[in-house]
C-alpha atoms as a PDB file:
ATOM      1  CA  MET A   1      63.337 159.430 118.653  1.00  0.00           C
ATOM      2  CA  PRO A   2      66.406 157.865 117.434  1.00  0.00           C
ATOM      3  CA  ARG A   3      65.324 158.771 114.173  1.00  0.00           C
ATOM      4  CA  GLU A   4      65.675 162.649 115.493  1.00  0.00           C
ATOM      5  CA  ARG A   5      69.200 162.327 116.539  1.00  0.00           C
ATOM      6  CA  SER A   6      69.827 160.822 113.586  1.00  0.00           C
ATOM      7  CA  ASP A   7      68.478 163.259 111.082  1.00  0.00           C
ATOM      8  CA  PRO A   8      71.333 165.065 109.000  1.00  0.00           C
ATOM      9  CA  LEU A   9      69.330 168.353 109.137  1.00  0.00           C
ATOM     10  CA  ILE A  10      69.341 167.736 112.753  1.00  0.00           C
ATOM     11  CA  VAL A  11      72.465 167.116 113.703  1.00  0.00           C
ATOM     12  CA  GLY A  12      73.948 169.642 110.850  1.00  0.00           C
ATOM     13  CA  ARG A  13      72.028 172.045 112.372  1.00  0.00           C
ATOM     14  CA  VAL A  14      70.127 173.061 109.593  1.00  0.00           C
ATOM     15  CA  ILE A  15      66.795 172.586 111.750  1.00  0.00           C
ATOM     16  CA  GLY A  16      67.494 175.515 114.008  1.00  0.00           C
ATOM     17  CA  ASP A  17      69.852 177.619 112.326  1.00  0.00           C
ATOM     18  CA  VAL A  18      67.636 177.753 108.915  1.00  0.00           C
ATOM     19  CA  LEU A  19      64.476 175.943 109.337  1.00  0.00           C
ATOM     20  CA  GLU A  20      62.013 174.811 111.686  1.00  0.00           C
ATOM     21  CA  PRO A  21      61.191 171.015 111.920  1.00  0.00           C
ATOM     22  CA  PHE A  22      58.723 169.843 108.946  1.00  0.00           C
ATOM     23  CA  ASN A  23      58.575 166.678 107.412  1.00  0.00           C
ATOM     24  CA  ARG A  24      59.834 165.533 103.927  1.00  0.00           C
ATOM     25  CA  SER A  25      56.973 165.216 101.444  1.00  0.00           C
ATOM     26  CA  ILE A  26      58.419 165.738  98.338  1.00  0.00           C
ATOM     27  CA  PRO A  27      61.631 163.968  96.173  1.00  0.00           C
ATOM     28  CA  LEU A  28      64.397 166.899  95.834  1.00  0.00           C
ATOM     29  CA  ARG A  29      67.332 166.176  93.713  1.00  0.00           C
ATOM     30  CA  VAL A  30      70.143 168.206  93.229  1.00  0.00           C
ATOM     31  CA  ILE A  31      72.901 167.259  90.860  1.00  0.00           C
ATOM     32  CA  TYR A  32      76.195 169.146  90.238  1.00  0.00           C
ATOM     33  CA  SER A  33      78.510 168.153  87.766  1.00  0.00           C
ATOM     34  CA  ASN A  34      76.796 164.234  87.610  1.00  0.00           C
ATOM     35  CA  ARG A  35      77.397 164.226  91.658  1.00  0.00           C
ATOM     36  CA  GLU A  36      74.164 164.051  93.278  1.00  0.00           C
ATOM     37  CA  VAL A  37      73.818 166.252  96.585  1.00  0.00           C
ATOM     38  CA  THR A  38      73.644 163.933 100.012  1.00  0.00           C
ATOM     39  CA  ASN A  39      72.866 165.662 103.667  1.00  0.00           C
ATOM     40  CA  GLY A  40      76.855 166.843 104.663  1.00  0.00           C
ATOM     41  CA  CYS A  41      78.409 165.944 101.939  1.00  0.00           C
ATOM     42  CA  GLU A  42      81.701 167.633 101.066  1.00  0.00           C
ATOM     43  CA  LEU A  43      81.660 169.537  97.761  1.00  0.00           C
ATOM     44  CA  LYS A  44      84.472 171.804  96.633  1.00  0.00           C
ATOM     45  CA  PRO A  45      83.973 175.249  95.243  1.00  0.00           C
ATOM     46  CA  SER A  46      85.315 174.155  92.104  1.00  0.00           C
ATOM     47  CA  VAL A  47      82.434 171.602  91.553  1.00  0.00           C
ATOM     48  CA  VAL A  48      79.630 174.081  92.282  1.00  0.00           C
ATOM     49  CA  VAL A  49      80.387 177.082  90.119  1.00  0.00           C
ATOM     50  CA  ASN A  50      77.632 176.496  87.665  1.00  0.00           C
ATOM     51  CA  GLN A  51      73.863 176.099  88.953  1.00  0.00           C
ATOM     52  CA  PRO A  52      72.862 172.585  90.335  1.00  0.00           C
ATOM     53  CA  ARG A  53      70.342 170.317  88.001  1.00  0.00           C
ATOM     54  CA  VAL A  54      67.282 170.241  90.190  1.00  0.00           C
ATOM     55  CA  GLU A  55      64.492 167.386  90.148  1.00  0.00           C
ATOM     56  CA  ILE A  56      61.610 168.140  91.855  1.00  0.00           C
ATOM     57  CA  GLY A  57      58.867 165.350  92.195  1.00  0.00           C
ATOM     58  CA  GLY A  58      55.269 165.076  93.002  1.00  0.00           C
ATOM     59  CA  ASN A  59      52.525 164.095  90.853  1.00  0.00           C
ATOM     60  CA  ASP A  60      50.159 166.904  90.394  1.00  0.00           C
ATOM     61  CA  LEU A  61      50.861 169.282  87.564  1.00  0.00           C
ATOM     62  CA  ARG A  62      49.198 172.150  89.141  1.00  0.00           C
ATOM     63  CA  THR A  63      51.335 172.318  92.251  1.00  0.00           C
ATOM     64  CA  PHE A  64      54.154 174.899  92.248  1.00  0.00           C
ATOM     65  CA  TYR A  65      57.426 175.077  93.919  1.00  0.00           C
ATOM     66  CA  THR A  66      59.570 177.948  95.744  1.00  0.00           C
ATOM     67  CA  LEU A  67      63.331 176.772  95.588  1.00  0.00           C
ATOM     68  CA  ALA A  68      66.093 178.943  97.741  1.00  0.00           C
ATOM     69  CA  MET A  69      69.846 178.125  98.185  1.00  0.00           C
ATOM     70  CA  VAL A  70      71.280 180.028 101.268  1.00  0.00           C
ATOM     71  CA  ASP A  71      74.422 180.051 103.365  1.00  0.00           C
ATOM     72  CA  PRO A  72      73.479 180.300 107.087  1.00  0.00           C
ATOM     73  CA  ASP A  73      77.784 180.726 107.904  1.00  0.00           C
ATOM     74  CA  ALA A  74      78.900 183.697 105.875  1.00  0.00           C
ATOM     75  CA  PRO A  75      81.068 185.156 105.997  1.00  0.00           C
ATOM     76  CA  SER A  76      82.482 182.543 108.536  1.00  0.00           C
ATOM     77  CA  PRO A  77      81.081 179.904 110.526  1.00  0.00           C
ATOM     78  CA  SER A  78      82.375 181.372 114.103  1.00  0.00           C
ATOM     79  CA  ASP A  79      80.546 184.954 112.785  1.00  0.00           C
ATOM     80  CA  PRO A  80      77.973 184.583 110.612  1.00  0.00           C
ATOM     81  CA  THR A  81      76.943 188.149 110.474  1.00  0.00           C
ATOM     82  CA  LEU A  82      75.512 188.162 107.273  1.00  0.00           C
ATOM     83  CA  ARG A  83      73.386 184.748 107.969  1.00  0.00           C
ATOM     84  CA  GLU A  84      71.455 183.710 105.717  1.00  0.00           C
ATOM     85  CA  TYR A  85      73.376 184.386 102.998  1.00  0.00           C
ATOM     86  CA  LEU A  86      70.783 184.314  99.246  1.00  0.00           C
ATOM     87  CA  HIS A  87      72.421 181.988  96.673  1.00  0.00           C
ATOM     88  CA  TRP A  88      69.524 181.599  94.545  1.00  0.00           C
ATOM     89  CA  LEU A  89      65.876 181.778  94.727  1.00  0.00           C
ATOM     90  CA  VAL A  90      63.005 180.391  92.140  1.00  0.00           C
ATOM     91  CA  THR A  91      59.483 180.553  92.163  1.00  0.00           C
ATOM     92  CA  ASP A  92      56.670 178.673  90.478  1.00  0.00           C
ATOM     93  CA  ILE A  93      58.395 175.486  89.548  1.00  0.00           C
ATOM     94  CA  PRO A  94      55.816 173.127  88.336  1.00  0.00           C
ATOM     95  CA  ALA A  95      55.897 169.895  89.822  1.00  0.00           C
ATOM     96  CA  THR A  96      57.573 166.806  88.206  1.00  0.00           C
ATOM     97  CA  THR A  97      60.207 169.290  86.220  1.00  0.00           C
ATOM     98  CA  SER A  98      62.913 171.081  87.906  1.00  0.00           C
ATOM     99  CA  THR A  99      63.827 174.551  88.161  1.00  0.00           C
ATOM    100  CA  SER A 100      64.532 175.344  84.314  1.00  0.00           C
ATOM    101  CA  PHE A 101      60.770 175.732  84.245  1.00  0.00           C
ATOM    102  CA  GLY A 102      60.376 178.168  87.209  1.00  0.00           C
ATOM    103  CA  GLN A 103      61.024 181.457  87.538  1.00  0.00           C
ATOM    104  CA  GLU A 104      64.340 182.870  88.558  1.00  0.00           C
ATOM    105  CA  ILE A 105      64.029 185.908  91.275  1.00  0.00           C
ATOM    106  CA  VAL A 106      67.525 185.283  92.325  1.00  0.00           C
ATOM    107  CA  GLY A 107      70.508 184.327  89.301  1.00  0.00           C
ATOM    108  CA  TYR A 108      72.391 181.251  91.288  1.00  0.00           C
ATOM    109  CA  GLU A 109      75.878 182.833  92.536  1.00  0.00           C
ATOM    110  CA  ASN A 110      78.294 179.838  93.492  1.00  0.00           C
ATOM    111  CA  PRO A 111      79.595 179.364  96.747  1.00  0.00           C
ATOM    112  CA  ARG A 112      82.795 180.757  97.212  1.00  0.00           C
ATOM    113  CA  PRO A 113      83.286 180.600 100.557  1.00  0.00           C
ATOM    114  CA  THR A 114      86.835 181.844 102.331  1.00  0.00           C
ATOM    115  CA  VAL A 115      86.806 180.711 106.094  1.00  0.00           C
ATOM    116  CA  GLY A 116      85.820 177.702 107.506  1.00  0.00           C
ATOM    117  CA  ILE A 117      83.413 175.290 106.194  1.00  0.00           C
ATOM    118  CA  HIS A 118      79.819 176.948 105.267  1.00  0.00           C
ATOM    119  CA  ARG A 119      76.804 174.629 104.555  1.00  0.00           C
ATOM    120  CA  PHE A 120      74.359 175.639 101.937  1.00  0.00           C
ATOM    121  CA  ILE A 121      71.344 174.654 101.813  1.00  0.00           C
ATOM    122  CA  ILE A 122      68.837 174.007  99.792  1.00  0.00           C
ATOM    123  CA  VAL A 123      65.322 173.974 100.520  1.00  0.00           C
ATOM    124  CA  LEU A 124      62.099 173.482  98.551  1.00  0.00           C
ATOM    125  CA  PHE A 125      58.668 175.143  99.941  1.00  0.00           C
ATOM    126  CA  ARG A 126      54.894 174.329  98.111  1.00  0.00           C
ATOM    127  CA  GLN A 127      52.914 177.286  97.097  1.00  0.00           C
ATOM    128  CA  ASN A 128      49.279 177.502  97.265  1.00  0.00           C
ATOM    129  CA  ALA A 129      49.374 179.044  93.870  1.00  0.00           C
ATOM    130  CA  ARG A 130      51.321 180.462  90.823  1.00  0.00           C
ATOM    131  CA  GLN A 131      52.652 184.340  92.828  1.00  0.00           C
ATOM    132  CA  THR A 132      54.567 187.446  92.360  1.00  0.00           C
ATOM    133  CA  VAL A 133      57.747 187.356  94.784  1.00  0.00           C
ATOM    134  CA  TYR A 134      59.892 190.341  94.890  1.00  0.00           C
ATOM    135  CA  ALA A 135      63.684 189.906  94.624  1.00  0.00           C
ATOM    136  CA  PRO A 136      64.848 190.929  98.403  1.00  0.00           C
ATOM    137  CA  GLY A 137      67.418 194.192  97.788  1.00  0.00           C
ATOM    138  CA  TRP A 138      69.785 192.085  98.847  1.00  0.00           C
ATOM    139  CA  ARG A 139      71.212 188.680  99.351  1.00  0.00           C
ATOM    140  CA  GLU A 140      72.437 189.245 103.014  1.00  0.00           C
ATOM    141  CA  ASN A 141      70.693 188.855 106.043  1.00  0.00           C
ATOM    142  CA  PHE A 142      67.750 186.845 103.884  1.00  0.00           C
ATOM    143  CA  ASN A 143      65.852 185.068 106.319  1.00  0.00           C
ATOM    144  CA  THR A 144      64.130 181.864 105.064  1.00  0.00           C
ATOM    145  CA  LYS A 145      61.474 181.871 107.802  1.00  0.00           C
ATOM    146  CA  ASP A 146      60.524 185.105 107.328  1.00  0.00           C
ATOM    147  CA  PHE A 147      60.252 185.021 103.404  1.00  0.00           C
ATOM    148  CA  ALA A 148      58.271 181.339 103.920  1.00  0.00           C
ATOM    149  CA  GLU A 149      55.959 183.433 106.261  1.00  0.00           C
ATOM    150  CA  LEU A 150      55.439 186.594 104.022  1.00  0.00           C
ATOM    151  CA  TYR A 151      54.511 184.642 100.668  1.00  0.00           C
ATOM    152  CA  ASN A 152      52.198 181.945 102.712  1.00  0.00           C
ATOM    153  CA  LEU A 153      54.666 179.171 101.625  1.00  0.00           C
ATOM    154  CA  GLY A 154      54.211 177.344 104.891  1.00  0.00           C
ATOM    155  CA  LEU A 155      57.024 174.321 106.257  1.00  0.00           C
ATOM    156  CA  PRO A 156      59.375 173.170 103.463  1.00  0.00           C
ATOM    157  CA  VAL A 157      58.368 169.890 101.271  1.00  0.00           C
ATOM    158  CA  ALA A 158      62.088 168.949 101.411  1.00  0.00           C
ATOM    159  CA  ALA A 159      65.448 170.448 101.891  1.00  0.00           C
ATOM    160  CA  VAL A 160      69.181 168.723 101.211  1.00  0.00           C
ATOM    161  CA  TYR A 161      72.219 170.582 102.257  1.00  0.00           C
ATOM    162  CA  PHE A 162      76.114 170.281 101.461  1.00  0.00           C
ATOM    163  CA  ASN A 163      79.139 171.292 102.940  1.00  0.00           C
ATOM    164  CA  CYS A 164      81.971 173.829 101.211  1.00  0.00           C
ATOM    165  CA  GLN A 165      84.920 175.296 102.296  1.00  0.00           C
ATOM    166  CA  ARG A 166      88.407 177.083 100.057  1.00  0.00           C
ATOM    167  CA  GLU A 167      89.399 174.940  98.113  1.00  0.00           C
ATOM    168  CA  THR A 168      93.505 173.853  98.881  1.00  0.00           C
ATOM    169  CA  GLY A 169      96.307 173.800  96.875  1.00  0.00           C
ATOM    170  CA  SER A 170      95.191 174.673  93.749  1.00  0.00           C
ATOM    171  CA  GLY A 171      96.520 177.037  91.399  1.00  0.00           C
ATOM    172  CA  GLY A 172      99.541 177.763  93.210  1.00  0.00           C
ATOM    173  CA  ARG A 173     100.432 181.665  94.671  1.00  0.00           C
ATOM    174  CA  ARG A 174      97.747 184.835  94.071  1.00  0.00           C
ATOM    175  CA  ARG A 175      99.563 187.465  92.594  1.00  0.00           C
END
């Protein structure tokens, strides 16, 4: 199918490296400093310092979502020994709202890649009900697929990713 080859989540290896194939069924908007994330866009670390505004669609106010943000390229794309590094985890987000209405399980940690171009994936799952989710003991080697299975979340309902690399030419030499 030609659509599959042009799907940015497949082209960017998000499907395969982090997620199983899924059908997007809920609108998800991620905005950093008035810049909306589109699949594969480039954002500098200075733009992603603060957590983004996340808007979730849907129409059933009794439905809740879980959002995770991971870096599958940590510490470097050529040697991703920390894959996936968990940057953010929010649960119990009501439909039609934003992450500010959810329960932050793991606080936002801004992307600061040091080597190569990293993919930062923001994935949304539909919950079956409100539930207790425990923070993992560490951010390194988080596994989105295993997490979804553990909490019976099924396949994602939306995902978006951006690329980020170390800022060049900013601030002069470090002492």
